[in-house]
Amino acid sequence: MRPTREPFFIIKTSLLLSFSCLLFSCVSTKKAAYFNNVNDTALARVKGDFEPVIQKNDILQINVSAMNPQEAMLYNLPNTYSPGAATPSAAAGGHSAAVTAANPVAGYLVNQQGYIQFPVLGSLKAEGLTKKALTDTIQNQLAERKLLVDPVVSIRFLNYRVTILGEVAQPAVVNVTSEKISIMEALGMVGDITIYGKKDNVLLIRETEGERITKRLNLNDAQMLTSPYYFLKPNDVIYVEPNKSKVANASKSSTVIPIVLSGLSLLVIVLDRLVK
């Protein structure tokens, strides 16, 4: 008796159906790649001013040096604020500081009025200024009031960070020690966008001058390389939305997977019976 060909027919049919499903589920490579339309060329300078502007609740590290190091020590005294205190305590000179569990380094807190309390000089307006502008202000006042000879002031942000959420490998808050970071660098630090993320509709949330703005970014477009949003600013939030495949998989997985497993089990039983 010739062996039946039905098992082979069933196997071939199953393979064809599986292959068809794979073809229809493929994601467009244009949507998966960055900067599709970029060529080998020199790009125009990125537009915009990317020097961070000091805002309320920023924490600044301010160091002062001078020809006489002993005289400059007054302006570099350690802060005495400790987490959990109702208000920052003042060290000599009355300067305030802020410390958090995530950032144990003390610094000058820009209060809700936009000022810092600096030794001897008192309240200084910081909000809305760049680091250079505040540096010049402190140096000029120290020199004009003859408090120090040839003072040199350096300022750094202690809370420069951006947040990356959504369809990335490792969502995280990224601390930026260099005080300058592009969106591509930030995504690289969290493991890049997953295959389920929408590169053509990335959401940027930014707070500036008391306003919260949102901007949709298309990372598939080469024009992003010259966009004013290519470089991120302190406290920016990047959210990568899931694509339709991820949403569909998430909503249907709980019902489709049991059905598929049941179908496969039935197919194995049928094949086993036919072969016998």
Protein backbone atom coordinates (compact mmCIF):
# COMPACT_ATOMS: atom_id res chain seq x y z
CA MET A 1 0.00 0.00 0.00
CA ARG A 2 1.49 3.40 -1.04
CA PRO A 3 2.07 5.79 1.84
CA THR A 4 -0.33 8.70 1.85
CA ARG A 5 0.95 12.12 0.67
CA GLU A 6 -1.43 14.06 2.92
CA PRO A 7 1.12 14.70 5.71
CA PHE A 8 3.51 16.27 3.21
CA PHE A 9 0.71 18.39 1.76
CA ILE A 10 -0.22 19.64 5.23
CA ILE A 11 3.41 20.44 6.07
CA LYS A 12 3.93 22.38 2.81
CA THR A 13 0.71 24.30 3.32
CA SER A 14 1.71 25.24 6.89
CA LEU A 15 5.12 26.44 5.74
CA LEU A 16 3.60 28.57 2.98
CA LEU A 17 1.16 30.17 5.41
CA SER A 18 3.95 30.89 7.89
CA PHE A 19 6.10 32.46 5.17
CA SER A 20 3.19 34.64 4.01
CA CYS A 21 2.65 35.89 7.56
CA LEU A 22 6.32 36.82 7.81
CA LEU A 23 6.12 38.80 4.56
CA PHE A 24 3.11 40.80 5.69
CA SER A 25 4.59 41.48 9.12
CA CYS A 26 7.86 42.94 7.82
CA VAL A 27 8.52 46.55 8.88
CA SER A 28 9.61 49.05 6.26
CA THR A 29 13.37 49.55 6.40
CA LYS A 30 12.87 53.24 5.69
CA LYS A 31 10.99 53.63 8.95
CA ALA A 32 13.53 51.55 10.85
CA ALA A 33 16.63 53.47 9.71
CA TYR A 34 17.91 56.90 10.77
CA PHE A 35 18.36 59.77 8.28
CA ASN A 36 17.26 57.93 5.11
CA ASN A 37 17.85 60.83 2.73
CA VAL A 38 21.31 61.91 3.87
CA ASN A 39 24.12 61.94 1.28
CA ASP A 40 27.88 62.32 1.46
CA THR A 41 28.03 66.08 1.88
CA ALA A 42 28.90 68.85 4.30
CA LEU A 43 25.89 69.77 6.41
CA ALA A 44 24.96 73.29 7.40
CA ARG A 45 25.68 74.38 10.94
CA VAL A 46 22.94 73.40 13.38
CA LYS A 47 20.70 76.41 13.97
CA GLY A 48 20.12 77.78 17.43
CA ASP A 49 21.95 78.69 20.61
CA PHE A 50 22.66 75.62 22.69
CA GLU A 51 24.32 77.22 25.69
CA PRO A 52 22.08 76.23 28.62
CA VAL A 53 20.15 79.01 30.32
CA ILE A 54 19.88 78.88 34.10
CA GLN A 55 16.37 78.15 35.36
CA LYS A 56 14.59 77.86 38.69
CA ASN A 57 15.57 74.78 40.72
CA ASP A 58 18.88 74.45 38.90
CA ILE A 59 21.83 73.50 41.10
CA LEU A 60 25.08 75.27 40.30
CA GLN A 61 28.62 74.50 41.32
CA ILE A 62 30.52 77.80 41.65
CA ASN A 63 34.26 77.87 42.29
CA VAL A 64 36.23 81.05 42.92
CA SER A 65 40.01 81.46 42.75
CA ALA A 66 42.27 84.51 43.08
CA MET A 67 45.87 85.62 43.47
CA ASN A 68 45.50 85.16 47.22
CA PRO A 69 44.05 81.65 47.74
CA GLN A 70 43.35 82.35 51.42
CA GLU A 71 41.00 85.21 50.56
CA ALA A 72 39.18 83.09 47.98
CA MET A 73 38.49 80.34 50.51
CA LEU A 74 35.53 82.27 51.90
CA TYR A 75 33.71 81.84 48.59
CA ASN A 76 34.38 78.10 48.40
CA LEU A 77 33.25 77.00 51.85
CA PRO A 78 31.40 73.65 51.92
CA ASN A 79 27.63 73.76 52.15
CA THR A 80 25.92 72.40 55.25
CA TYR A 81 22.50 71.55 53.84
CA SER A 82 21.43 67.96 54.44
CA PRO A 83 18.59 66.01 52.76
CA GLY A 84 15.36 66.11 54.74
CA ALA A 85 15.97 69.53 56.24
CA ALA A 86 13.04 71.94 56.03
CA THR A 87 15.21 74.68 54.54
CA PRO A 88 18.82 74.91 53.49
CA SER A 89 21.09 75.99 56.32
CA ALA A 90 23.64 78.66 55.63
CA ALA A 91 27.36 78.29 56.06
CA ALA A 92 29.61 81.28 56.51
CA GLY A 93 28.54 83.89 54.03
CA GLY A 94 24.94 82.69 54.01
CA HIS A 95 24.95 80.68 50.78
CA SER A 96 22.30 78.02 50.27
CA ALA A 97 22.74 74.56 48.81
CA ALA A 98 20.81 71.53 47.76
CA VAL A 99 21.66 67.86 48.05
CA THR A 100 19.67 64.87 46.86
CA ALA A 101 20.16 61.13 47.16
CA ALA A 102 20.84 60.92 43.43
CA ASN A 103 23.21 63.89 43.48
CA PRO A 104 25.13 64.09 46.76
CA VAL A 105 27.30 67.03 45.60
CA ALA A 106 26.23 70.32 47.19
CA GLY A 107 25.73 73.44 45.12
CA TYR A 108 23.85 76.70 44.86
CA LEU A 109 20.11 76.22 44.41
CA VAL A 110 18.31 78.71 42.17
CA ASN A 111 15.22 79.52 44.24
CA GLN A 112 11.67 80.13 43.06
CA GLN A 113 12.42 83.84 42.64
CA GLY A 114 15.34 82.99 40.35
CA TYR A 115 18.12 84.01 42.78
CA ILE A 116 21.07 82.35 44.49
CA GLN A 117 22.51 83.40 47.84
CA PHE A 118 26.24 83.97 47.34
CA PRO A 119 28.76 84.68 50.12
CA VAL A 120 29.23 88.42 50.84
CA LEU A 121 27.54 89.44 47.57
CA GLY A 122 24.15 88.26 48.83
CA SER A 123 21.23 87.65 46.44
CA LEU A 124 22.24 87.36 42.80
CA LYS A 125 19.84 87.01 39.89
CA ALA A 126 20.61 83.75 38.08
CA GLU A 127 17.44 82.71 36.25
CA GLY A 128 17.54 83.52 32.56
CA LEU A 129 21.32 83.99 32.47
CA THR A 130 23.87 81.77 30.79
CA LYS A 131 26.78 80.44 32.80
CA LYS A 132 29.05 83.01 31.16
CA ALA A 133 26.73 85.88 32.06
CA LEU A 134 26.53 84.80 35.71
CA THR A 135 30.29 84.23 35.78
CA ASP A 136 30.89 87.78 34.53
CA THR A 137 28.46 89.16 37.11
CA ILE A 138 30.21 87.48 40.04
CA GLN A 139 33.72 88.33 38.79
CA ASN A 140 32.86 91.97 38.17
CA GLN A 141 31.22 92.45 41.58
CA LEU A 142 34.14 90.79 43.40
CA ALA A 143 36.60 93.02 41.56
CA GLU A 144 34.58 96.26 41.73
CA ARG A 145 34.01 95.90 45.47
CA LYS A 146 37.71 95.07 45.87
CA LEU A 147 36.92 91.81 47.63
CA LEU A 148 39.40 89.87 45.50
CA VAL A 149 42.25 90.72 43.15
CA ASP A 150 41.87 89.23 39.67
CA PRO A 151 39.12 86.76 40.64
CA VAL A 152 38.44 83.78 38.40
CA VAL A 153 35.00 82.18 38.59
CA SER A 154 33.92 78.85 37.08
CA ILE A 155 30.34 77.54 37.03
CA ARG A 156 28.94 74.09 36.23
CA PHE A 157 25.47 72.58 36.28
CA LEU A 158 25.09 69.78 38.80
CA ASN A 159 21.65 68.75 37.59
CA TYR A 160 22.14 68.63 33.80
CA ARG A 161 20.17 65.54 32.84
CA VAL A 162 17.72 64.31 30.21
CA THR A 163 15.09 61.59 30.48
CA ILE A 164 14.54 58.93 27.79
CA LEU A 165 11.31 56.91 27.98
CA GLY A 166 9.24 54.56 25.84
CA GLU A 167 10.43 52.08 23.22
CA VAL A 168 14.15 52.13 23.98
CA ALA A 169 16.29 49.28 25.23
CA GLN A 170 16.85 50.74 28.70
CA PRO A 171 14.71 53.78 29.62
CA ALA A 172 16.70 55.98 31.99
CA VAL A 173 17.59 59.42 33.29
CA VAL A 174 20.91 60.34 31.66
CA ASN A 175 23.30 62.60 33.58
CA VAL A 176 25.24 64.87 31.21
CA THR A 177 28.66 65.70 32.62
CA SER A 178 29.85 67.42 29.43
CA GLU A 179 26.83 69.81 29.52
CA LYS A 180 26.15 69.16 25.85
CA ILE A 181 24.40 66.15 24.34
CA SER A 182 22.65 65.38 21.07
CA ILE A 183 19.52 63.30 20.79
CA MET A 184 21.53 60.56 19.05
CA GLU A 185 24.06 60.42 21.90
CA ALA A 186 21.24 60.24 24.44
CA LEU A 187 19.53 57.39 22.57
CA GLY A 188 22.85 55.58 22.31
CA MET A 189 23.31 55.78 26.08
CA VAL A 190 20.00 53.96 26.64
CA GLY A 191 20.62 51.24 24.07
CA ASP A 192 18.88 52.86 21.06
CA ILE A 193 15.26 52.68 19.91
CA THR A 194 13.88 49.15 19.67
CA ILE A 195 12.42 47.71 16.45
CA TYR A 196 8.98 48.52 17.88
CA GLY A 197 9.71 52.24 18.31
CA LYS A 198 8.50 54.96 15.93
CA LYS A 199 11.57 56.87 14.77
CA ASP A 200 9.47 59.23 12.67
CA ASN A 201 7.36 60.56 15.55
CA VAL A 202 9.59 60.97 18.62
CA LEU A 203 8.13 63.33 21.24
CA LEU A 204 10.34 65.99 22.86
CA ILE A 205 9.06 67.70 26.03
CA ARG A 206 10.97 70.82 27.08
CA GLU A 207 10.48 73.46 29.77
CA THR A 208 11.80 76.91 29.03
CA GLU A 209 11.05 80.28 30.59
CA GLY A 210 8.16 78.86 32.57
CA GLU A 211 6.54 77.22 29.54
CA ARG A 212 6.29 73.53 28.71
CA ILE A 213 6.55 72.90 24.97
CA THR A 214 6.21 69.69 22.96
CA LYS A 215 7.78 68.94 19.60
CA ARG A 216 7.48 65.91 17.29
CA LEU A 217 10.80 64.85 15.75
CA ASN A 218 11.34 62.71 12.65
CA LEU A 219 14.60 60.82 13.04
CA ASN A 220 14.15 59.24 9.60
CA ASP A 221 14.70 62.64 8.00
CA ALA A 222 18.22 63.94 7.37
CA GLN A 223 17.02 67.49 8.13
CA MET A 224 17.07 66.45 11.78
CA LEU A 225 20.87 66.81 11.66
CA THR A 226 20.50 70.59 11.25
CA SER A 227 17.44 70.98 13.46
CA PRO A 228 17.54 73.27 16.54
CA TYR A 229 16.25 70.26 18.48
CA TYR A 230 19.21 68.03 17.55
CA PHE A 231 20.97 69.04 20.77
CA LEU A 232 19.07 68.51 24.01
CA LYS A 233 18.75 70.95 26.89
CA PRO A 234 18.69 70.33 30.66
CA ASN A 235 15.61 68.44 31.88
CA ASP A 236 14.43 67.55 28.37
CA VAL A 237 12.21 64.46 28.16
CA ILE A 238 12.28 62.19 25.09
CA TYR A 239 9.42 59.73 24.60
CA VAL A 240 9.53 57.09 21.85
CA GLU A 241 6.08 55.81 20.94
CA PRO A 242 5.43 52.13 20.11
CA ASN A 243 4.48 51.34 16.52
CA LYS A 244 1.32 49.54 15.41
CA SER A 245 3.03 46.15 15.48
CA LYS A 246 3.91 46.51 19.15
CA VAL A 247 0.42 47.72 20.06
CA ALA A 248 -1.21 44.90 18.10
CA ASN A 249 1.10 42.30 19.60
CA ALA A 250 0.47 43.57 23.11
CA SER A 251 -3.32 43.57 22.70
CA LYS A 252 -3.62 40.23 20.90
CA SER A 253 -0.85 38.14 22.47
CA SER A 254 -3.03 37.02 25.37
CA THR A 255 -5.61 35.52 22.97
CA VAL A 256 -3.60 34.61 19.87
CA ILE A 257 -0.81 32.63 21.54
CA PRO A 258 -3.14 30.03 23.15
CA ILE A 259 -4.98 29.59 19.82
CA VAL A 260 -1.71 29.11 17.92
CA LEU A 261 -0.44 26.61 20.46
CA SER A 262 -3.70 24.70 20.30
CA GLY A 263 -3.55 24.66 16.51
CA LEU A 264 0.01 23.37 16.51
CA SER A 265 -0.90 20.65 18.97
CA LEU A 266 -3.82 19.57 16.78
CA LEU A 267 -1.55 19.57 13.70
CA VAL A 268 0.97 17.32 15.44
CA ILE A 269 -1.78 14.87 16.43
CA VAL A 270 -3.19 14.77 12.88
CA LEU A 271 0.25 14.21 11.35
CA ASP A 272 1.01 11.48 13.83
CA ARG A 273 -2.28 9.68 13.03
CA LEU A 274 -1.82 9.99 9.25
CA VAL A 275 1.72 8.69 9.28
CA LYS A 276 0.63 5.68 11.29
